[in-house]
């Protein structure tokens, strides 16, 4: 007889959930069980909703984290335990629509300059230059670098939603990657873990960004995902069309990419107020 955890993980594997999503969902259900000190299949719908309220009010988690927990619970009770939706009407918290923090080009230059470790600097530059998620940059392999003159791209394997895509490989980044390879000689993973048996941990990459950000005196807002936001915003400011940016980022819907219109400075500063178009004689 399989454990409930194994049943849930098997159900996610069958539906093609990404490893990080599976880990997040299993962690959320574990937190639910730990809170009540009871197996999740013994809990009522009210128990689950009270737990989500506890996450918001008492633990003060971000709404995005609460929504992840709600999604995990809904999947457990509907897909695994086969309980009717009407009995487990788990609400999703409304996420405030805040704009991400964007670094200026000068700040990015400082960020890369203060990272004295070539490994950390190369990882951060790759994340920005190709617009990668942290999970994607950590999972890069040497074979993903296509440096032929008529190709010049990075292959992203198993991005969000399990989708592969290609993104930019700039000549400057390629030169940086070659210097990095000569120093560290990675064999398979571009950024391997300490014993070389797998990719670098996501949390390690995140700490690299935080340390460089603090040394550069940029401020404490945002994590390494900021570099992906900067990639998209700076491309838009340079005149790249929104659909090209959508493909490079791997967004399924262009509406997700459209948020960067709110961040592109020249789209704001280059516009003319309708007040200035009024006839001054009237």
C-alpha atoms as a PDB file:
ATOM      1  CA  UNK A   1       0.000   0.000   0.000  1.00  0.00           C
ATOM      2  CA  UNK A   2       1.538   3.298  -1.083  1.00  0.00           C
ATOM      3  CA  UNK A   3       1.742   6.189   1.331  1.00  0.00           C
ATOM      4  CA  UNK A   4      -0.404   9.239   0.673  1.00  0.00           C
ATOM      5  CA  UNK A   5       2.749  11.197  -0.132  1.00  0.00           C
ATOM      6  CA  UNK A   6       3.763   8.654  -2.769  1.00  0.00           C
ATOM      7  CA  UNK A   7       0.259   8.576  -4.230  1.00  0.00           C
ATOM      8  CA  UNK A   8       0.285  12.355  -4.564  1.00  0.00           C
ATOM      9  CA  UNK A   9       3.766  12.415  -6.098  1.00  0.00           C
ATOM     10  CA  UNK A  10       2.828   9.684  -8.576  1.00  0.00           C
ATOM     11  CA  UNK A  11      -0.285  11.639  -9.585  1.00  0.00           C
ATOM     12  CA  UNK A  12       1.853  14.742 -10.230  1.00  0.00           C
ATOM     13  CA  UNK A  13       4.394  12.748 -12.258  1.00  0.00           C
ATOM     14  CA  UNK A  14       1.599  11.353 -14.440  1.00  0.00           C
ATOM     15  CA  UNK A  15       0.387  14.897 -15.115  1.00  0.00           C
ATOM     16  CA  UNK A  16       3.852  16.141 -16.032  1.00  0.00           C
ATOM     17  CA  UNK A  17       4.390  18.467 -13.080  1.00  0.00           C
ATOM     18  CA  UNK A  18       7.867  19.991 -12.890  1.00  0.00           C
ATOM     19  CA  UNK A  19      10.146  18.682 -10.101  1.00  0.00           C
ATOM     20  CA  UNK A  20      10.066  22.016  -8.269  1.00  0.00           C
ATOM     21  CA  UNK A  21       6.255  22.113  -8.385  1.00  0.00           C
ATOM     22  CA  UNK A  22       6.076  18.589  -6.998  1.00  0.00           C
ATOM     23  CA  UNK A  23       8.478  19.487  -4.215  1.00  0.00           C
ATOM     24  CA  UNK A  24       6.503  22.637  -3.386  1.00  0.00           C
ATOM     25  CA  UNK A  25       3.144  20.835  -3.317  1.00  0.00           C
ATOM     26  CA  UNK A  26       4.448  17.996  -1.158  1.00  0.00           C
ATOM     27  CA  UNK A  27       5.997  20.519   1.229  1.00  0.00           C
ATOM     28  CA  UNK A  28       2.721  22.421   1.483  1.00  0.00           C
ATOM     29  CA  UNK A  29       0.751  19.265   2.353  1.00  0.00           C
ATOM     30  CA  UNK A  30       3.416  18.273   4.860  1.00  0.00           C
ATOM     31  CA  UNK A  31       2.976  21.682   6.507  1.00  0.00           C
ATOM     32  CA  UNK A  32      -0.796  21.108   6.702  1.00  0.00           C
ATOM     33  CA  UNK A  33      -0.332  17.718   8.370  1.00  0.00           C
ATOM     34  CA  UNK A  34       2.287  19.069  10.778  1.00  0.00           C
ATOM     35  CA  UNK A  35       0.006  21.935  11.796  1.00  0.00           C
ATOM     36  CA  UNK A  36      -2.809  19.597  12.856  1.00  0.00           C
ATOM     37  CA  UNK A  37      -0.606  16.599  13.721  1.00  0.00           C
ATOM     38  CA  UNK A  38      -3.008  14.476  11.725  1.00  0.00           C
ATOM     39  CA  UNK A  39      -2.960  12.830   8.311  1.00  0.00           C
ATOM     40  CA  UNK A  40      -4.381  15.156   5.613  1.00  0.00           C
ATOM     41  CA  UNK A  41      -7.020  12.603   4.595  1.00  0.00           C
ATOM     42  CA  UNK A  42      -8.547  12.919   8.073  1.00  0.00           C
ATOM     43  CA  UNK A  43      -9.056  16.680   7.794  1.00  0.00           C
ATOM     44  CA  UNK A  44     -12.241  18.495   6.797  1.00  0.00           C
ATOM     45  CA  UNK A  45     -12.600  21.294   4.271  1.00  0.00           C
ATOM     46  CA  UNK A  46     -13.017  23.727   7.162  1.00  0.00           C
ATOM     47  CA  UNK A  47      -9.737  22.502   8.661  1.00  0.00           C
ATOM     48  CA  UNK A  48      -7.980  23.270   5.390  1.00  0.00           C
ATOM     49  CA  UNK A  49      -9.503  26.732   5.042  1.00  0.00           C
ATOM     50  CA  UNK A  50      -8.649  27.538   8.680  1.00  0.00           C
ATOM     51  CA  UNK A  51      -5.069  26.496   7.969  1.00  0.00           C
ATOM     52  CA  UNK A  52      -4.842  28.821   4.961  1.00  0.00           C
ATOM     53  CA  UNK A  53      -6.200  31.658   7.101  1.00  0.00           C
ATOM     54  CA  UNK A  54      -3.536  30.802   9.684  1.00  0.00           C
ATOM     55  CA  UNK A  55      -0.854  31.162   6.988  1.00  0.00           C
ATOM     56  CA  UNK A  56      -2.108  34.641   6.110  1.00  0.00           C
ATOM     57  CA  UNK A  57      -2.994  36.071   9.539  1.00  0.00           C
ATOM     58  CA  UNK A  58      -0.573  34.428  11.943  1.00  0.00           C
ATOM     59  CA  UNK A  59       2.399  33.359   9.846  1.00  0.00           C
ATOM     60  CA  UNK A  60       1.999  36.376   7.544  1.00  0.00           C
ATOM     61  CA  UNK A  61       3.132  34.495   4.458  1.00  0.00           C
ATOM     62  CA  UNK A  62       3.045  36.160   1.072  1.00  0.00           C
ATOM     63  CA  UNK A  63      -0.189  35.626  -0.836  1.00  0.00           C
ATOM     64  CA  UNK A  64       1.741  33.791  -3.555  1.00  0.00           C
ATOM     65  CA  UNK A  65       2.896  31.247  -0.953  1.00  0.00           C
ATOM     66  CA  UNK A  66      -0.637  30.852   0.384  1.00  0.00           C
ATOM     67  CA  UNK A  67      -1.924  30.304  -3.147  1.00  0.00           C
ATOM     68  CA  UNK A  68       0.666  27.567  -3.649  1.00  0.00           C
ATOM     69  CA  UNK A  69      -0.558  25.875  -0.479  1.00  0.00           C
ATOM     70  CA  UNK A  70      -4.177  26.211  -1.647  1.00  0.00           C
ATOM     71  CA  UNK A  71      -3.314  24.706  -5.041  1.00  0.00           C
ATOM     72  CA  UNK A  72      -1.490  21.823  -3.376  1.00  0.00           C
ATOM     73  CA  UNK A  73      -4.464  21.085  -1.112  1.00  0.00           C
ATOM     74  CA  UNK A  74      -6.920  21.275  -3.988  1.00  0.00           C
ATOM     75  CA  UNK A  75      -4.803  18.834  -5.986  1.00  0.00           C
ATOM     76  CA  UNK A  76      -4.560  16.432  -3.050  1.00  0.00           C
ATOM     77  CA  UNK A  77      -8.278  16.368  -2.281  1.00  0.00           C
ATOM     78  CA  UNK A  78      -9.557  16.428  -5.861  1.00  0.00           C
ATOM     79  CA  UNK A  79      -6.992  14.458  -7.878  1.00  0.00           C
ATOM     80  CA  UNK A  80      -5.653  12.038  -5.260  1.00  0.00           C
ATOM     81  CA  UNK A  81      -8.386  11.534  -2.642  1.00  0.00           C
ATOM     82  CA  UNK A  82     -11.214  12.037  -5.185  1.00  0.00           C
ATOM     83  CA  UNK A  83     -13.303  14.225  -2.917  1.00  0.00           C
ATOM     84  CA  UNK A  84     -15.936  16.453  -4.572  1.00  0.00           C
ATOM     85  CA  UNK A  85     -15.008  20.068  -5.225  1.00  0.00           C
ATOM     86  CA  UNK A  86     -18.174  21.215  -3.456  1.00  0.00           C
ATOM     87  CA  UNK A  87     -16.849  19.833  -0.167  1.00  0.00           C
ATOM     88  CA  UNK A  88     -13.414  21.404  -0.580  1.00  0.00           C
ATOM     89  CA  UNK A  89     -14.026  24.841  -1.975  1.00  0.00           C
ATOM     90  CA  UNK A  90     -10.533  26.122  -1.165  1.00  0.00           C
ATOM     91  CA  UNK A  91     -10.263  29.843  -1.961  1.00  0.00           C
ATOM     92  CA  UNK A  92      -7.306  31.452  -3.704  1.00  0.00           C
ATOM     93  CA  UNK A  93      -5.948  34.600  -2.116  1.00  0.00           C
ATOM     94  CA  UNK A  94      -5.912  37.715  -4.256  1.00  0.00           C
ATOM     95  CA  UNK A  95      -2.300  38.588  -5.037  1.00  0.00           C
ATOM     96  CA  UNK A  96      -1.508  42.320  -4.991  1.00  0.00           C
ATOM     97  CA  UNK A  97      -0.289  43.443  -8.398  1.00  0.00           C
ATOM     98  CA  UNK A  98       3.091  44.940  -7.565  1.00  0.00           C
ATOM     99  CA  UNK A  99       5.707  45.748 -10.174  1.00  0.00           C
ATOM    100  CA  UNK A 100       9.082  44.016  -9.829  1.00  0.00           C
ATOM    101  CA  UNK A 101      12.229  45.961  -9.019  1.00  0.00           C
ATOM    102  CA  UNK A 102      14.390  46.739 -12.070  1.00  0.00           C
ATOM    103  CA  UNK A 103      18.105  47.545 -11.955  1.00  0.00           C
ATOM    104  CA  UNK A 104      19.596  50.222 -14.161  1.00  0.00           C
ATOM    105  CA  UNK A 105      22.411  49.349 -16.547  1.00  0.00           C
ATOM    106  CA  UNK A 106      24.883  51.102 -14.240  1.00  0.00           C
ATOM    107  CA  UNK A 107      23.670  48.992 -11.309  1.00  0.00           C
ATOM    108  CA  UNK A 108      24.055  45.804 -13.337  1.00  0.00           C
ATOM    109  CA  UNK A 109      27.587  46.786 -14.298  1.00  0.00           C
ATOM    110  CA  UNK A 110      28.404  47.311 -10.609  1.00  0.00           C
ATOM    111  CA  UNK A 111      26.761  44.019  -9.676  1.00  0.00           C
ATOM    112  CA  UNK A 112      28.932  42.037 -12.083  1.00  0.00           C
ATOM    113  CA  UNK A 113      32.078  44.009 -11.198  1.00  0.00           C
ATOM    114  CA  UNK A 114      31.877  43.349  -7.442  1.00  0.00           C
ATOM    115  CA  UNK A 115      31.486  39.582  -7.895  1.00  0.00           C
ATOM    116  CA  UNK A 116      35.154  38.581  -7.721  1.00  0.00           C
ATOM    117  CA  UNK A 117      34.488  34.845  -8.037  1.00  0.00           C
ATOM    118  CA  UNK A 118      34.466  34.023 -11.786  1.00  0.00           C
ATOM    119  CA  UNK A 119      31.928  31.243 -11.197  1.00  0.00           C
ATOM    120  CA  UNK A 120      29.444  33.525  -9.477  1.00  0.00           C
ATOM    121  CA  UNK A 121      29.988  36.351 -11.959  1.00  0.00           C
ATOM    122  CA  UNK A 122      29.460  34.031 -14.938  1.00  0.00           C
ATOM    123  CA  UNK A 123      26.280  32.600 -13.434  1.00  0.00           C
ATOM    124  CA  UNK A 124      24.823  36.061 -12.799  1.00  0.00           C
ATOM    125  CA  UNK A 125      25.810  37.322 -16.249  1.00  0.00           C
ATOM    126  CA  UNK A 126      24.267  34.245 -17.898  1.00  0.00           C
ATOM    127  CA  UNK A 127      21.013  34.737 -15.989  1.00  0.00           C
ATOM    128  CA  UNK A 128      20.734  38.346 -17.167  1.00  0.00           C
ATOM    129  CA  UNK A 129      22.084  37.899 -20.700  1.00  0.00           C
ATOM    130  CA  UNK A 130      19.669  35.065 -21.515  1.00  0.00           C
ATOM    131  CA  UNK A 131      16.688  36.050 -19.341  1.00  0.00           C
ATOM    132  CA  UNK A 132      16.676  32.786 -17.398  1.00  0.00           C
ATOM    133  CA  UNK A 133      14.775  31.639 -14.340  1.00  0.00           C
ATOM    134  CA  UNK A 134      17.074  30.555 -11.520  1.00  0.00           C
ATOM    135  CA  UNK A 135      16.065  26.914 -12.010  1.00  0.00           C
ATOM    136  CA  UNK A 136      16.951  27.218 -15.701  1.00  0.00           C
ATOM    137  CA  UNK A 137      20.410  28.711 -15.222  1.00  0.00           C
ATOM    138  CA  UNK A 138      21.231  26.094 -12.582  1.00  0.00           C
ATOM    139  CA  UNK A 139      20.178  23.288 -14.930  1.00  0.00           C
ATOM    140  CA  UNK A 140      22.255  24.426 -17.926  1.00  0.00           C
ATOM    141  CA  UNK A 141      24.565  21.841 -19.451  1.00  0.00           C
ATOM    142  CA  UNK A 142      27.572  22.389 -21.714  1.00  0.00           C
ATOM    143  CA  UNK A 143      25.633  20.820 -24.583  1.00  0.00           C
ATOM    144  CA  UNK A 144      23.029  23.584 -24.263  1.00  0.00           C
ATOM    145  CA  UNK A 145      25.509  26.166 -25.563  1.00  0.00           C
ATOM    146  CA  UNK A 146      25.184  26.377 -29.344  1.00  0.00           C
ATOM    147  CA  UNK A 147      28.010  28.651 -30.456  1.00  0.00           C
ATOM    148  CA  UNK A 148      28.099  28.074 -34.220  1.00  0.00           C
ATOM    149  CA  UNK A 149      28.052  31.382 -36.070  1.00  0.00           C
ATOM    150  CA  UNK A 150      24.706  30.589 -37.693  1.00  0.00           C
ATOM    151  CA  UNK A 151      23.101  29.503 -34.390  1.00  0.00           C
ATOM    152  CA  UNK A 152      24.434  31.425 -31.348  1.00  0.00           C
ATOM    153  CA  UNK A 153      21.776  30.462 -28.814  1.00  0.00           C
ATOM    154  CA  UNK A 154      21.231  28.758 -25.488  1.00  0.00           C
ATOM    155  CA  UNK A 155      18.848  25.835 -25.219  1.00  0.00           C
ATOM    156  CA  UNK A 156      16.650  25.898 -22.126  1.00  0.00           C
ATOM    157  CA  UNK A 157      15.529  22.397 -21.198  1.00  0.00           C
ATOM    158  CA  UNK A 158      12.352  21.774 -19.257  1.00  0.00           C
ATOM    159  CA  UNK A 159      11.441  25.384 -18.491  1.00  0.00           C
ATOM    160  CA  UNK A 160       8.216  26.301 -16.738  1.00  0.00           C
ATOM    161  CA  UNK A 161       5.509  23.877 -17.780  1.00  0.00           C
ATOM    162  CA  UNK A 162       8.156  21.394 -18.930  1.00  0.00           C
ATOM    163  CA  UNK A 163       8.727  23.321 -22.181  1.00  0.00           C
ATOM    164  CA  UNK A 164      12.044  23.605 -24.021  1.00  0.00           C
ATOM    165  CA  UNK A 165      12.981  26.839 -25.779  1.00  0.00           C
ATOM    166  CA  UNK A 166      15.916  28.760 -27.228  1.00  0.00           C
ATOM    167  CA  UNK A 167      17.124  32.108 -25.992  1.00  0.00           C
ATOM    168  CA  UNK A 168      19.913  34.568 -26.743  1.00  0.00           C
ATOM    169  CA  UNK A 169      23.631  33.811 -26.574  1.00  0.00           C
ATOM    170  CA  UNK A 170      25.460  37.104 -26.926  1.00  0.00           C
ATOM    171  CA  UNK A 171      29.070  37.193 -28.181  1.00  0.00           C
ATOM    172  CA  UNK A 172      30.102  38.862 -24.906  1.00  0.00           C
ATOM    173  CA  UNK A 173      28.502  36.095 -22.862  1.00  0.00           C
ATOM    174  CA  UNK A 174      30.089  33.431 -25.068  1.00  0.00           C
ATOM    175  CA  UNK A 175      33.533  34.934 -24.434  1.00  0.00           C
ATOM    176  CA  UNK A 176      32.803  34.984 -20.686  1.00  0.00           C
ATOM    177  CA  UNK A 177      31.657  31.345 -20.776  1.00  0.00           C
ATOM    178  CA  UNK A 178      34.828  30.285 -22.601  1.00  0.00           C
ATOM    179  CA  UNK A 179      37.008  32.028 -20.008  1.00  0.00           C
ATOM    180  CA  UNK A 180      34.994  30.345 -17.269  1.00  0.00           C
ATOM    181  CA  UNK A 181      35.388  26.910 -18.882  1.00  0.00           C
ATOM    182  CA  UNK A 182      39.157  27.317 -19.144  1.00  0.00           C
ATOM    183  CA  UNK A 183      39.292  28.057 -15.408  1.00  0.00           C
ATOM    184  CA  UNK A 184      36.898  25.396 -14.064  1.00  0.00           C
ATOM    185  CA  UNK A 185      36.619  22.767 -16.814  1.00  0.00           C
ATOM    186  CA  UNK A 186      33.050  21.649 -16.044  1.00  0.00           C
ATOM    187  CA  UNK A 187      32.261  18.310 -17.685  1.00  0.00           C
ATOM    188  CA  UNK A 188      28.505  18.102 -17.987  1.00  0.00           C
ATOM    189  CA  UNK A 189      26.637  20.698 -15.932  1.00  0.00           C
ATOM    190  CA  UNK A 190      27.698  24.246 -16.732  1.00  0.00           C
ATOM    191  CA  UNK A 191      27.478  25.174 -13.041  1.00  0.00           C
ATOM    192  CA  UNK A 192      27.925  21.893 -11.145  1.00  0.00           C
ATOM    193  CA  UNK A 193      27.482  21.288  -7.434  1.00  0.00           C
ATOM    194  CA  UNK A 194      30.642  20.884  -5.288  1.00  0.00           C
ATOM    195  CA  UNK A 195      31.094  17.169  -6.012  1.00  0.00           C
ATOM    196  CA  UNK A 196      30.233  17.522  -9.712  1.00  0.00           C
ATOM    197  CA  UNK A 197      27.409  14.975  -9.620  1.00  0.00           C
ATOM    198  CA  UNK A 198      24.590  17.404 -10.353  1.00  0.00           C
ATOM    199  CA  UNK A 199      23.733  21.053 -10.951  1.00  0.00           C
ATOM    200  CA  UNK A 200      24.378  23.854  -8.489  1.00  0.00           C
ATOM    201  CA  UNK A 201      21.624  24.264  -5.894  1.00  0.00           C
ATOM    202  CA  UNK A 202      19.069  26.975  -6.573  1.00  0.00           C
ATOM    203  CA  UNK A 203      19.570  28.421  -3.090  1.00  0.00           C
ATOM    204  CA  UNK A 204      23.325  28.695  -3.734  1.00  0.00           C
ATOM    205  CA  UNK A 205      22.691  30.717  -6.885  1.00  0.00           C
ATOM    206  CA  UNK A 206      20.248  32.902  -4.966  1.00  0.00           C
ATOM    207  CA  UNK A 207      22.860  33.562  -2.272  1.00  0.00           C
ATOM    208  CA  UNK A 208      25.391  34.529  -4.948  1.00  0.00           C
ATOM    209  CA  UNK A 209      23.015  37.224  -6.154  1.00  0.00           C
ATOM    210  CA  UNK A 210      22.209  38.513  -2.675  1.00  0.00           C
ATOM    211  CA  UNK A 211      25.903  38.744  -1.743  1.00  0.00           C
ATOM    212  CA  UNK A 212      26.824  40.606  -4.952  1.00  0.00           C
ATOM    213  CA  UNK A 213      23.802  42.890  -4.604  1.00  0.00           C
ATOM    214  CA  UNK A 214      24.807  43.841  -1.054  1.00  0.00           C
ATOM    215  CA  UNK A 215      28.440  44.451  -2.004  1.00  0.00           C
ATOM    216  CA  UNK A 216      27.325  46.635  -4.909  1.00  0.00           C
ATOM    217  CA  UNK A 217      25.169  48.706  -2.537  1.00  0.00           C
ATOM    218  CA  UNK A 218      22.106  48.263  -4.700  1.00  0.00           C
ATOM    219  CA  UNK A 219      19.620  47.664  -1.908  1.00  0.00           C
ATOM    220  CA  UNK A 220      17.874  44.654  -0.451  1.00  0.00           C
ATOM    221  CA  UNK A 221      14.841  44.420  -2.714  1.00  0.00           C
ATOM    222  CA  UNK A 222      14.325  41.336  -4.876  1.00  0.00           C
ATOM    223  CA  UNK A 223      16.273  38.171  -5.619  1.00  0.00           C
ATOM    224  CA  UNK A 224      18.068  36.704  -8.611  1.00  0.00           C
ATOM    225  CA  UNK A 225      14.785  36.688 -10.593  1.00  0.00           C
ATOM    226  CA  UNK A 226      15.345  40.460 -10.823  1.00  0.00           C
ATOM    227  CA  UNK A 227      17.913  39.742 -13.549  1.00  0.00           C
ATOM    228  CA  UNK A 228      15.228  38.089 -15.690  1.00  0.00           C
ATOM    229  CA  UNK A 229      12.979  41.116 -15.227  1.00  0.00           C
ATOM    230  CA  UNK A 230      15.895  43.360 -16.245  1.00  0.00           C
ATOM    231  CA  UNK A 231      16.512  41.278 -19.376  1.00  0.00           C
ATOM    232  CA  UNK A 232      12.928  41.692 -20.553  1.00  0.00           C
ATOM    233  CA  UNK A 233      12.659  45.371 -19.650  1.00  0.00           C
ATOM    234  CA  UNK A 234      15.963  46.362 -21.235  1.00  0.00           C
ATOM    235  CA  UNK A 235      15.094  44.465 -24.436  1.00  0.00           C
ATOM    236  CA  UNK A 236      11.790  46.322 -24.634  1.00  0.00           C
ATOM    237  CA  UNK A 237      13.549  49.639 -24.077  1.00  0.00           C
ATOM    238  CA  UNK A 238      15.950  48.830 -26.912  1.00  0.00           C
ATOM    239  CA  UNK A 239      13.061  48.334 -29.337  1.00  0.00           C
ATOM    240  CA  UNK A 240      12.607  44.540 -29.401  1.00  0.00           C
ATOM    241  CA  UNK A 241       8.967  43.655 -30.067  1.00  0.00           C
ATOM    242  CA  UNK A 242       6.849  42.120 -27.315  1.00  0.00           C
ATOM    243  CA  UNK A 243       6.227  38.804 -29.116  1.00  0.00           C
ATOM    244  CA  UNK A 244       9.955  38.163 -29.523  1.00  0.00           C
ATOM    245  CA  UNK A 245      10.463  38.860 -25.820  1.00  0.00           C
ATOM    246  CA  UNK A 246       7.573  36.515 -25.040  1.00  0.00           C
ATOM    247  CA  UNK A 247       9.289  33.676 -26.935  1.00  0.00           C
ATOM    248  CA  UNK A 248      12.665  34.345 -25.341  1.00  0.00           C
ATOM    249  CA  UNK A 249      11.137  34.301 -21.845  1.00  0.00           C
ATOM    250  CA  UNK A 250       9.039  31.220 -22.557  1.00  0.00           C
ATOM    251  CA  UNK A 251       5.741  32.852 -21.607  1.00  0.00           C
ATOM    252  CA  UNK A 252       2.678  30.929 -22.754  1.00  0.00           C
ATOM    253  CA  UNK A 253       0.563  34.097 -22.936  1.00  0.00           C
ATOM    254  CA  UNK A 254       1.620  37.503 -24.196  1.00  0.00           C
ATOM    255  CA  UNK A 255      -0.397  39.102 -21.379  1.00  0.00           C
ATOM    256  CA  UNK A 256       2.280  37.892 -18.954  1.00  0.00           C
ATOM    257  CA  UNK A 257       4.948  39.682 -20.985  1.00  0.00           C
ATOM    258  CA  UNK A 258       2.896  42.866 -21.314  1.00  0.00           C
ATOM    259  CA  UNK A 259       3.654  43.787 -17.681  1.00  0.00           C
ATOM    260  CA  UNK A 260       7.094  44.921 -18.829  1.00  0.00           C
ATOM    261  CA  UNK A 261       5.495  47.859 -20.647  1.00  0.00           C
ATOM    262  CA  UNK A 262       4.943  49.297 -17.163  1.00  0.00           C
ATOM    263  CA  UNK A 263       8.663  48.978 -16.396  1.00  0.00           C
ATOM    264  CA  UNK A 264      10.296  50.243 -19.559  1.00  0.00           C
ATOM    265  CA  UNK A 265      11.454  53.772 -18.784  1.00  0.00           C
ATOM    266  CA  UNK A 266      11.673  55.085 -22.320  1.00  0.00           C
ATOM    267  CA  UNK A 267       8.086  54.016 -22.953  1.00  0.00           C
ATOM    268  CA  UNK A 268       7.150  56.444 -20.183  1.00  0.00           C
ATOM    269  CA  UNK A 269       9.739  59.182 -20.552  1.00  0.00           C
ATOM    270  CA  UNK A 270       9.480  59.191 -24.358  1.00  0.00           C
ATOM    271  CA  UNK A 271       5.743  59.777 -24.365  1.00  0.00           C
ATOM    272  CA  UNK A 272       4.080  63.159 -24.721  1.00  0.00           C
ATOM    273  CA  UNK A 273       1.319  64.192 -22.352  1.00  0.00           C
ATOM    274  CA  UNK A 274      -1.945  65.081 -24.115  1.00  0.00           C
ATOM    275  CA  UNK A 275      -1.824  68.390 -22.252  1.00  0.00           C
ATOM    276  CA  UNK A 276       1.186  69.378 -24.354  1.00  0.00           C
ATOM    277  CA  UNK A 277      -0.756  68.665 -27.519  1.00  0.00           C
ATOM    278  CA  UNK A 278      -3.479  71.189 -26.730  1.00  0.00           C
ATOM    279  CA  UNK A 279      -3.499  74.390 -28.728  1.00  0.00           C
ATOM    280  CA  UNK A 280      -1.892  76.985 -26.451  1.00  0.00           C
ATOM    281  CA  UNK A 281      -4.207  79.688 -27.823  1.00  0.00           C
ATOM    282  CA  UNK A 282      -7.291  78.073 -26.297  1.00  0.00           C
END
